[in-house]
Amino acid sequence: MPAELTFDGHSFAPQLRGEAGTPREWVYVQLGAKWYVCSSRWKLTQDGELYDMKDAPFIEKLVGRDTKDPKAIAAREKLQKALDGLKPGEGKKDKE
């Protein structure tokens, strides 16, 4: 695997076997040309929109960037760090 690519795979086989495993706190989802990361409570889109998923799947509440909610602020920071590390917008680049 090229050194400049980030391998971010985590096996969830232990959880399937009923073992503890080492699950991460977020998942990455890509649907066509759109992507987001989400935790058990929050979703951050590629456009920087943060959603409170407390009442999902029925309600996804958009959280404004100017929120003072410390939990929402912490969630945005954590999920943005995950997206920044994955760099999904860069895509695969062919060598010339």
PDB file of N, CA and C in Angstrom:
ATOM      1  N   MET A   1       0.852  -1.181   0.000  1.00  0.00           N
ATOM      2  CA  MET A   1       0.000   0.000   0.000  1.00  0.00           C
ATOM      3  C   MET A   1       0.893   1.237   0.000  1.00  0.00           C
ATOM      4  N   PRO A   2       0.577   2.229  -0.832  1.00  0.00           N
ATOM      5  CA  PRO A   2       1.402   3.439  -0.868  1.00  0.00           C
ATOM      6  C   PRO A   2       1.474   4.130   0.497  1.00  0.00           C
ATOM      7  N   ALA A   3       2.643   4.619   0.841  1.00  0.00           N
ATOM      8  CA  ALA A   3       2.876   5.239   2.149  1.00  0.00           C
ATOM      9  C   ALA A   3       2.017   6.477   2.364  1.00  0.00           C
ATOM     10  N   GLU A   4       1.658   7.184   1.288  1.00  0.00           N
ATOM     11  CA  GLU A   4       0.884   8.418   1.457  1.00  0.00           C
ATOM     12  C   GLU A   4      -0.602   8.178   1.699  1.00  0.00           C
ATOM     13  N   LEU A   5      -1.066   6.938   1.574  1.00  0.00           N
ATOM     14  CA  LEU A   5      -2.465   6.628   1.828  1.00  0.00           C
ATOM     15  C   LEU A   5      -2.677   6.234   3.288  1.00  0.00           C
ATOM     16  N   THR A   6      -3.788   6.667   3.832  1.00  0.00           N
ATOM     17  CA  THR A   6      -4.135   6.312   5.207  1.00  0.00           C
ATOM     18  C   THR A   6      -4.993   5.071   5.193  1.00  0.00           C
ATOM     19  N   PHE A   7      -4.556   4.033   5.881  1.00  0.00           N
ATOM     20  CA  PHE A   7      -5.360   2.826   6.038  1.00  0.00           C
ATOM     21  C   PHE A   7      -6.099   2.965   7.349  1.00  0.00           C
ATOM     22  N   ASP A   8      -7.407   2.993   7.271  1.00  0.00           N
ATOM     23  CA  ASP A   8      -8.198   3.288   8.450  1.00  0.00           C
ATOM     24  C   ASP A   8      -9.132   2.147   8.840  1.00  0.00           C
ATOM     25  N   GLY A   9      -8.888   0.967   8.333  1.00  0.00           N
ATOM     26  CA  GLY A   9      -9.776  -0.144   8.625  1.00  0.00           C
ATOM     27  C   GLY A   9      -9.682  -0.623  10.060  1.00  0.00           C
ATOM     28  N   HIS A  10     -10.814  -0.973  10.623  1.00  0.00           N
ATOM     29  CA  HIS A  10     -10.895  -1.570  11.952  1.00  0.00           C
ATOM     30  C   HIS A  10     -11.768  -2.805  11.827  1.00  0.00           C
ATOM     31  N   SER A  11     -11.283  -3.929  12.265  1.00  0.00           N
ATOM     32  CA  SER A  11     -12.088  -5.140  12.204  1.00  0.00           C
ATOM     33  C   SER A  11     -13.166  -5.121  13.284  1.00  0.00           C
ATOM     34  N   PHE A  12     -14.376  -5.505  12.901  1.00  0.00           N
ATOM     35  CA  PHE A  12     -15.434  -5.640  13.899  1.00  0.00           C
ATOM     36  C   PHE A  12     -15.753  -7.122  14.125  1.00  0.00           C
ATOM     37  N   ALA A  13     -14.859  -7.994  13.669  1.00  0.00           N
ATOM     38  CA  ALA A  13     -15.043  -9.436  13.874  1.00  0.00           C
ATOM     39  C   ALA A  13     -15.172  -9.796  15.354  1.00  0.00           C
ATOM     40  N   PRO A  14     -14.385  -9.195  16.274  1.00  0.00           N
ATOM     41  CA  PRO A  14     -14.550  -9.554  17.688  1.00  0.00           C
ATOM     42  C   PRO A  14     -15.979  -9.301  18.197  1.00  0.00           C
ATOM     43  N   GLN A  15     -16.572  -8.185  17.798  1.00  0.00           N
ATOM     44  CA  GLN A  15     -17.940  -7.891  18.232  1.00  0.00           C
ATOM     45  C   GLN A  15     -18.920  -8.927  17.665  1.00  0.00           C
ATOM     46  N   LEU A  16     -18.682  -9.399  16.445  1.00  0.00           N
ATOM     47  CA  LEU A  16     -19.544 -10.419  15.856  1.00  0.00           C
ATOM     48  C   LEU A  16     -19.452 -11.740  16.624  1.00  0.00           C
ATOM     49  N   ARG A  17     -18.283 -11.968  17.210  1.00  0.00           N
ATOM     50  CA  ARG A  17     -18.093 -13.184  18.004  1.00  0.00           C
ATOM     51  C   ARG A  17     -18.530 -13.002  19.452  1.00  0.00           C
ATOM     52  N   GLY A  18     -19.054 -11.821  19.781  1.00  0.00           N
ATOM     53  CA  GLY A  18     -19.494 -11.560  21.149  1.00  0.00           C
ATOM     54  C   GLY A  18     -18.381 -11.119  22.072  1.00  0.00           C
ATOM     55  N   GLU A  19     -17.232 -10.752  21.500  1.00  0.00           N
ATOM     56  CA  GLU A  19     -16.090 -10.284  22.284  1.00  0.00           C
ATOM     57  C   GLU A  19     -16.097  -8.755  22.324  1.00  0.00           C
ATOM     58  N   ALA A  20     -15.273  -8.201  23.202  1.00  0.00           N
ATOM     59  CA  ALA A  20     -15.254  -6.746  23.378  1.00  0.00           C
ATOM     60  C   ALA A  20     -14.740  -6.015  22.142  1.00  0.00           C
ATOM     61  N   GLY A  21     -13.664  -6.460  21.571  1.00  0.00           N
ATOM     62  CA  GLY A  21     -13.090  -5.773  20.420  1.00  0.00           C
ATOM     63  C   GLY A  21     -12.606  -4.378  20.774  1.00  0.00           C
ATOM     64  N   THR A  22     -12.290  -3.605  19.751  1.00  0.00           N
ATOM     65  CA  THR A  22     -11.831  -2.226  19.945  1.00  0.00           C
ATOM     66  C   THR A  22     -12.580  -1.298  18.988  1.00  0.00           C
ATOM     67  N   PRO A  23     -13.877  -1.159  19.180  1.00  0.00           N
ATOM     68  CA  PRO A  23     -14.639  -0.292  18.268  1.00  0.00           C
ATOM     69  C   PRO A  23     -14.256   1.170  18.439  1.00  0.00           C
ATOM     70  N   ARG A  24     -14.336   1.906  17.365  1.00  0.00           N
ATOM     71  CA  ARG A  24     -14.074   3.342  17.465  1.00  0.00           C
ATOM     72  C   ARG A  24     -15.374   4.057  17.813  1.00  0.00           C
ATOM     73  N   GLU A  25     -15.277   5.343  18.075  1.00  0.00           N
ATOM     74  CA  GLU A  25     -16.434   6.120  18.519  1.00  0.00           C
ATOM     75  C   GLU A  25     -17.229   6.702  17.357  1.00  0.00           C
ATOM     76  N   TRP A  26     -16.775   6.511  16.139  1.00  0.00           N
ATOM     77  CA  TRP A  26     -17.450   7.085  14.986  1.00  0.00           C
ATOM     78  C   TRP A  26     -17.363   6.126  13.808  1.00  0.00           C
ATOM     79  N   VAL A  27     -18.230   6.357  12.815  1.00  0.00           N
ATOM     80  CA  VAL A  27     -18.179   5.618  11.561  1.00  0.00           C
ATOM     81  C   VAL A  27     -18.185   6.608  10.410  1.00  0.00           C
ATOM     82  N   TYR A  28     -17.581   6.203   9.311  1.00  0.00           N
ATOM     83  CA  TYR A  28     -17.532   7.005   8.097  1.00  0.00           C
ATOM     84  C   TYR A  28     -18.536   6.409   7.116  1.00  0.00           C
ATOM     85  N   VAL A  29     -19.319   7.264   6.480  1.00  0.00           N
ATOM     86  CA  VAL A  29     -20.312   6.818   5.507  1.00  0.00           C
ATOM     87  C   VAL A  29     -20.140   7.635   4.228  1.00  0.00           C
ATOM     88  N   GLN A  30     -20.113   6.936   3.091  1.00  0.00           N
ATOM     89  CA  GLN A  30     -20.073   7.635   1.807  1.00  0.00           C
ATOM     90  C   GLN A  30     -21.225   7.124   0.964  1.00  0.00           C
ATOM     91  N   LEU A  31     -22.025   8.065   0.479  1.00  0.00           N
ATOM     92  CA  LEU A  31     -23.152   7.760  -0.392  1.00  0.00           C
ATOM     93  C   LEU A  31     -22.953   8.544  -1.676  1.00  0.00           C
ATOM     94  N   GLY A  32     -22.445   7.897  -2.695  1.00  0.00           N
ATOM     95  CA  GLY A  32     -22.142   8.596  -3.938  1.00  0.00           C
ATOM     96  C   GLY A  32     -21.052   9.622  -3.706  1.00  0.00           C
ATOM     97  N   ALA A  33     -21.335  10.868  -4.057  1.00  0.00           N
ATOM     98  CA  ALA A  33     -20.351  11.942  -3.913  1.00  0.00           C
ATOM     99  C   ALA A  33     -20.489  12.688  -2.589  1.00  0.00           C
ATOM    100  N   LYS A  34     -21.284  12.159  -1.677  1.00  0.00           N
ATOM    101  CA  LYS A  34     -21.475  12.807  -0.373  1.00  0.00           C
ATOM    102  C   LYS A  34     -20.963  11.890   0.725  1.00  0.00           C
ATOM    103  N   TRP A  35     -20.457  12.486   1.799  1.00  0.00           N
ATOM    104  CA  TRP A  35     -19.955  11.694   2.912  1.00  0.00           C
ATOM    105  C   TRP A  35     -20.183  12.399   4.234  1.00  0.00           C
ATOM    106  N   TYR A  36     -20.108  11.605   5.301  1.00  0.00           N
ATOM    107  CA  TYR A  36     -20.229  12.147   6.642  1.00  0.00           C
ATOM    108  C   TYR A  36     -19.633  11.166   7.636  1.00  0.00           C
ATOM    109  N   VAL A  37     -19.397  11.656   8.829  1.00  0.00           N
ATOM    110  CA  VAL A  37     -18.999  10.800   9.942  1.00  0.00           C
ATOM    111  C   VAL A  37     -20.065  10.970  11.016  1.00  0.00           C
ATOM    112  N   CYS A  38     -20.307   9.896  11.740  1.00  0.00           N
ATOM    113  CA  CYS A  38     -21.293  10.006  12.806  1.00  0.00           C
ATOM    114  C   CYS A  38     -20.890   9.148  13.995  1.00  0.00           C
ATOM    115  N   SER A  39     -21.355   9.588  15.144  1.00  0.00           N
ATOM    116  CA  SER A  39     -21.185   8.855  16.393  1.00  0.00           C
ATOM    117  C   SER A  39     -22.576   8.391  16.810  1.00  0.00           C
ATOM    118  N   SER A  40     -22.702   7.901  17.995  1.00  0.00           N
ATOM    119  CA  SER A  40     -24.008   7.429  18.437  1.00  0.00           C
ATOM    120  C   SER A  40     -25.026   8.566  18.557  1.00  0.00           C
ATOM    121  N   ARG A  41     -24.565   9.807  18.674  1.00  0.00           N
ATOM    122  CA  ARG A  41     -25.476  10.937  18.869  1.00  0.00           C
ATOM    123  C   ARG A  41     -25.382  12.017  17.801  1.00  0.00           C
ATOM    124  N   TRP A  42     -24.229  12.141  17.117  1.00  0.00           N
ATOM    125  CA  TRP A  42     -23.990  13.281  16.237  1.00  0.00           C
ATOM    126  C   TRP A  42     -23.606  12.836  14.834  1.00  0.00           C
ATOM    127  N   LYS A  43     -23.888  13.695  13.852  1.00  0.00           N
ATOM    128  CA  LYS A  43     -23.473  13.465  12.465  1.00  0.00           C
ATOM    129  C   LYS A  43     -22.897  14.764  11.923  1.00  0.00           C
ATOM    130  N   LEU A  44     -21.721  14.680  11.304  1.00  0.00           N
ATOM    131  CA  LEU A  44     -21.082  15.835  10.685  1.00  0.00           C
ATOM    132  C   LEU A  44     -20.908  15.547   9.201  1.00  0.00           C
ATOM    133  N   THR A  45     -21.485  16.408   8.360  1.00  0.00           N
ATOM    134  CA  THR A  45     -21.430  16.194   6.917  1.00  0.00           C
ATOM    135  C   THR A  45     -20.178  16.816   6.315  1.00  0.00           C
ATOM    136  N   GLN A  46     -19.940  16.492   5.035  1.00  0.00           N
ATOM    137  CA  GLN A  46     -18.797  17.048   4.311  1.00  0.00           C
ATOM    138  C   GLN A  46     -18.877  18.559   4.223  1.00  0.00           C
ATOM    139  N   ASP A  47     -20.080  19.113   4.335  1.00  0.00           N
ATOM    140  CA  ASP A  47     -20.267  20.559   4.262  1.00  0.00           C
ATOM    141  C   ASP A  47     -20.136  21.246   5.617  1.00  0.00           C
ATOM    142  N   GLY A  48     -19.812  20.469   6.656  1.00  0.00           N
ATOM    143  CA  GLY A  48     -19.645  21.039   7.983  1.00  0.00           C
ATOM    144  C   GLY A  48     -20.940  21.200   8.756  1.00  0.00           C
ATOM    145  N   GLU A  49     -22.014  20.585   8.289  1.00  0.00           N
ATOM    146  CA  GLU A  49     -23.281  20.657   9.019  1.00  0.00           C
ATOM    147  C   GLU A  49     -23.298  19.593  10.105  1.00  0.00           C
ATOM    148  N   LEU A  50     -23.566  20.017  11.322  1.00  0.00           N
ATOM    149  CA  LEU A  50     -23.634  19.102  12.459  1.00  0.00           C
ATOM    150  C   LEU A  50     -25.100  18.854  12.786  1.00  0.00           C
ATOM    151  N   TYR A  51     -25.439  17.585  12.949  1.00  0.00           N
ATOM    152  CA  TYR A  51     -26.812  17.199  13.283  1.00  0.00           C
ATOM    153  C   TYR A  51     -26.833  16.457  14.609  1.00  0.00           C
ATOM    154  N   ASP A  52     -27.825  16.788  15.428  1.00  0.00           N
ATOM    155  CA  ASP A  52     -28.085  16.052  16.658  1.00  0.00           C
ATOM    156  C   ASP A  52     -28.988  14.885  16.256  1.00  0.00           C
ATOM    157  N   MET A  53     -28.510  13.675  16.450  1.00  0.00           N
ATOM    158  CA  MET A  53     -29.220  12.476  16.006  1.00  0.00           C
ATOM    159  C   MET A  53     -29.934  11.774  17.161  1.00  0.00           C
ATOM    160  N   LYS A  54     -30.137  12.498  18.243  1.00  0.00           N
ATOM    161  CA  LYS A  54     -30.760  11.926  19.440  1.00  0.00           C
ATOM    162  C   LYS A  54     -32.096  11.253  19.119  1.00  0.00           C
ATOM    163  N   ASP A  55     -32.885  11.841  18.218  1.00  0.00           N
ATOM    164  CA  ASP A  55     -34.199  11.304  17.890  1.00  0.00           C
ATOM    165  C   ASP A  55     -34.242  10.623  16.521  1.00  0.00           C
ATOM    166  N   ALA A  56     -33.064  10.289  15.976  1.00  0.00           N
ATOM    167  CA  ALA A  56     -33.003   9.610  14.682  1.00  0.00           C
ATOM    168  C   ALA A  56     -33.589   8.208  14.831  1.00  0.00           C
ATOM    169  N   PRO A  57     -34.184   7.659  13.831  1.00  0.00           N
ATOM    170  CA  PRO A  57     -34.162   8.118  12.443  1.00  0.00           C
ATOM    171  C   PRO A  57     -35.301   9.061  12.088  1.00  0.00           C
ATOM    172  N   PHE A  58     -36.116   9.428  13.031  1.00  0.00           N
ATOM    173  CA  PHE A  58     -37.266  10.269  12.720  1.00  0.00           C
ATOM    174  C   PHE A  58     -36.923  11.747  12.610  1.00  0.00           C
ATOM    175  N   ILE A  59     -35.963  12.204  13.395  1.00  0.00           N
ATOM    176  CA  ILE A  59     -35.593  13.618  13.392  1.00  0.00           C
ATOM    177  C   ILE A  59     -34.071  13.741  13.415  1.00  0.00           C
ATOM    178  N   GLU A  60     -33.554  14.559  12.500  1.00  0.00           N
ATOM    179  CA  GLU A  60     -32.145  14.946  12.489  1.00  0.00           C
ATOM    180  C   GLU A  60     -32.138  16.460  12.681  1.00  0.00           C
ATOM    181  N   LYS A  61     -31.747  16.918  13.848  1.00  0.00           N
ATOM    182  CA  LYS A  61     -31.822  18.344  14.172  1.00  0.00           C
ATOM    183  C   LYS A  61     -30.496  19.033  13.844  1.00  0.00           C
ATOM    184  N   LEU A  62     -30.562  20.000  12.931  1.00  0.00           N
ATOM    185  CA  LEU A  62     -29.376  20.768  12.558  1.00  0.00           C
ATOM    186  C   LEU A  62     -28.952  21.642  13.732  1.00  0.00           C
ATOM    187  N   VAL A  63     -27.667  21.594  14.060  1.00  0.00           N
ATOM    188  CA  VAL A  63     -27.106  22.393  15.154  1.00  0.00           C
ATOM    189  C   VAL A  63     -26.315  23.532  14.529  1.00  0.00           C
ATOM    190  N   GLY A  64     -26.657  24.752  14.862  1.00  0.00           N
ATOM    191  CA  GLY A  64     -25.979  25.911  14.296  1.00  0.00           C
ATOM    192  C   GLY A  64     -24.512  25.979  14.686  1.00  0.00           C
ATOM    193  N   ARG A  65     -23.728  26.569  13.812  1.00  0.00           N
ATOM    194  CA  ARG A  65     -22.285  26.714  14.092  1.00  0.00           C
ATOM    195  C   ARG A  65     -22.032  27.604  15.304  1.00  0.00           C
ATOM    196  N   ASP A  66     -23.007  28.446  15.639  1.00  0.00           N
ATOM    197  CA  ASP A  66     -22.850  29.359  16.764  1.00  0.00           C
ATOM    198  C   ASP A  66     -23.358  28.780  18.085  1.00  0.00           C
ATOM    199  N   THR A  67     -23.608  27.469  18.128  1.00  0.00           N
ATOM    200  CA  THR A  67     -24.119  26.854  19.344  1.00  0.00           C
ATOM    201  C   THR A  67     -23.161  27.050  20.526  1.00  0.00           C
ATOM    202  N   LYS A  68     -23.729  27.128  21.696  1.00  0.00           N
ATOM    203  CA  LYS A  68     -22.929  27.231  22.927  1.00  0.00           C
ATOM    204  C   LYS A  68     -22.936  25.898  23.684  1.00  0.00           C
ATOM    205  N   ASP A  69     -23.622  24.910  23.142  1.00  0.00           N
ATOM    206  CA  ASP A  69     -23.724  23.595  23.775  1.00  0.00           C
ATOM    207  C   ASP A  69     -22.350  22.922  23.767  1.00  0.00           C
ATOM    208  N   PRO A  70     -21.756  22.709  24.950  1.00  0.00           N
ATOM    209  CA  PRO A  70     -20.412  22.133  24.995  1.00  0.00           C
ATOM    210  C   PRO A  70     -20.337  20.727  24.407  1.00  0.00           C
ATOM    211  N   LYS A  71     -21.417  19.961  24.497  1.00  0.00           N
ATOM    212  CA  LYS A  71     -21.410  18.608  23.921  1.00  0.00           C
ATOM    213  C   LYS A  71     -21.389  18.678  22.398  1.00  0.00           C
ATOM    214  N   ALA A  72     -22.143  19.610  21.836  1.00  0.00           N
ATOM    215  CA  ALA A  72     -22.155  19.772  20.386  1.00  0.00           C
ATOM    216  C   ALA A  72     -20.811  20.287  19.885  1.00  0.00           C
ATOM    217  N   ILE A  73     -20.216  21.210  20.613  1.00  0.00           N
ATOM    218  CA  ILE A  73     -18.904  21.749  20.233  1.00  0.00           C
ATOM    219  C   ILE A  73     -17.855  20.641  20.251  1.00  0.00           C
ATOM    220  N   ALA A  74     -17.864  19.824  21.296  1.00  0.00           N
ATOM    221  CA  ALA A  74     -16.911  18.721  21.401  1.00  0.00           C
ATOM    222  C   ALA A  74     -17.133  17.691  20.301  1.00  0.00           C
ATOM    223  N   ALA A  75     -18.397  17.416  19.994  1.00  0.00           N
ATOM    224  CA  ALA A  75     -18.709  16.456  18.934  1.00  0.00           C
ATOM    225  C   ALA A  75     -18.211  16.962  17.588  1.00  0.00           C
ATOM    226  N   ARG A  76     -18.445  18.239  17.300  1.00  0.00           N
ATOM    227  CA  ARG A  76     -17.973  18.817  16.034  1.00  0.00           C
ATOM    228  C   ARG A  76     -16.459  18.688  15.920  1.00  0.00           C
ATOM    229  N   GLU A  77     -15.750  18.998  16.987  1.00  0.00           N
ATOM    230  CA  GLU A  77     -14.286  18.924  16.953  1.00  0.00           C
ATOM    231  C   GLU A  77     -13.816  17.489  16.715  1.00  0.00           C
ATOM    232  N   LYS A  78     -14.397  16.531  17.431  1.00  0.00           N
ATOM    233  CA  LYS A  78     -13.990  15.138  17.307  1.00  0.00           C
ATOM    234  C   LYS A  78     -14.292  14.590  15.913  1.00  0.00           C
ATOM    235  N   LEU A  79     -15.489  14.857  15.413  1.00  0.00           N
ATOM    236  CA  LEU A  79     -15.861  14.334  14.105  1.00  0.00           C
ATOM    237  C   LEU A  79     -15.112  15.040  12.978  1.00  0.00           C
ATOM    238  N   GLN A  80     -14.831  16.318  13.137  1.00  0.00           N
ATOM    239  CA  GLN A  80     -14.053  17.032  12.118  1.00  0.00           C
ATOM    240  C   GLN A  80     -12.633  16.483  12.064  1.00  0.00           C
ATOM    241  N   LYS A  81     -12.080  16.150  13.210  1.00  0.00           N
ATOM    242  CA  LYS A  81     -10.738  15.558  13.252  1.00  0.00           C
ATOM    243  C   LYS A  81     -10.728  14.227  12.499  1.00  0.00           C
ATOM    244  N   ALA A  82     -11.792  13.446  12.648  1.00  0.00           N
ATOM    245  CA  ALA A  82     -11.889  12.174  11.925  1.00  0.00           C
ATOM    246  C   ALA A  82     -11.939  12.426  10.418  1.00  0.00           C
ATOM    247  N   LEU A  83     -12.770  13.368   9.980  1.00  0.00           N
ATOM    248  CA  LEU A  83     -12.848  13.682   8.546  1.00  0.00           C
ATOM    249  C   LEU A  83     -11.528  14.214   8.020  1.00  0.00           C
ATOM    250  N   ASP A  84     -10.880  15.073   8.787  1.00  0.00           N
ATOM    251  CA  ASP A  84      -9.603  15.635   8.359  1.00  0.00           C
ATOM    252  C   ASP A  84      -8.559  14.535   8.183  1.00  0.00           C
ATOM    253  N   GLY A  85      -8.591  13.536   9.055  1.00  0.00           N
ATOM    254  CA  GLY A  85      -7.633  12.440   8.950  1.00  0.00           C
ATOM    255  C   GLY A  85      -7.895  11.540   7.759  1.00  0.00           C
ATOM    256  N   LEU A  86      -9.154  11.379   7.394  1.00  0.00           N
ATOM    257  CA  LEU A  86      -9.507  10.516   6.266  1.00  0.00           C
ATOM    258  C   LEU A  86      -9.318  11.193   4.913  1.00  0.00           C
ATOM    259  N   LYS A  87      -9.502  12.493   4.866  1.00  0.00           N
ATOM    260  CA  LYS A  87      -9.365  13.286   3.637  1.00  0.00           C
ATOM    261  C   LYS A  87     -10.189  12.714   2.482  1.00  0.00           C
ATOM    262  N   PRO A  88     -11.482  12.471   2.681  1.00  0.00           N
ATOM    263  CA  PRO A  88     -12.272  11.850   1.619  1.00  0.00           C
ATOM    264  C   PRO A  88     -12.417  12.692   0.365  1.00  0.00           C
ATOM    265  N   GLY A  89     -12.283  13.992   0.471  1.00  0.00           N
ATOM    266  CA  GLY A  89     -12.427  14.852  -0.690  1.00  0.00           C
ATOM    267  C   GLY A  89     -11.273  14.773  -1.675  1.00  0.00           C
ATOM    268  N   GLU A  90     -10.145  14.241  -1.233  1.00  0.00           N
ATOM    269  CA  GLU A  90      -8.989  14.163  -2.105  1.00  0.00           C
ATOM    270  C   GLU A  90      -9.110  13.042  -3.118  1.00  0.00           C
ATOM    271  N   GLY A  91      -9.740  11.949  -2.743  1.00  0.00           N
ATOM    272  CA  GLY A  91      -9.916  10.828  -3.663  1.00  0.00           C
ATOM    273  C   GLY A  91      -8.599  10.233  -4.123  1.00  0.00           C
ATOM    274  N   LYS A  92      -8.697   9.247  -4.956  1.00  0.00           N
ATOM    275  CA  LYS A  92      -7.499   8.589  -5.494  1.00  0.00           C
ATOM    276  C   LYS A  92      -6.954   9.428  -6.638  1.00  0.00           C
ATOM    277  N   LYS A  93      -5.654   9.605  -6.632  1.00  0.00           N
ATOM    278  CA  LYS A  93      -4.997  10.361  -7.696  1.00  0.00           C
ATOM    279  C   LYS A  93      -4.052   9.423  -8.443  1.00  0.00           C
ATOM    280  N   ASP A  94      -4.213   9.370  -9.765  1.00  0.00           N
ATOM    281  CA  ASP A  94      -3.332   8.547 -10.576  1.00  0.00           C
ATOM    282  C   ASP A  94      -1.980   9.211 -10.706  1.00  0.00           C
ATOM    283  N   LYS A  95      -0.926   8.405 -10.728  1.00  0.00           N
ATOM    284  CA  LYS A  95       0.424   8.953 -10.910  1.00  0.00           C
ATOM    285  C   LYS A  95       0.620   9.279 -12.377  1.00  0.00           C
ATOM    286  N   GLU A  96       1.332  10.364 -12.626  1.00  0.00           N
ATOM    287  CA  GLU A  96       1.552  10.792 -14.010  1.00  0.00           C
ATOM    288  C   GLU A  96       2.748  10.129 -14.598  1.00  0.00           C
TER     289      GLU A  96
END
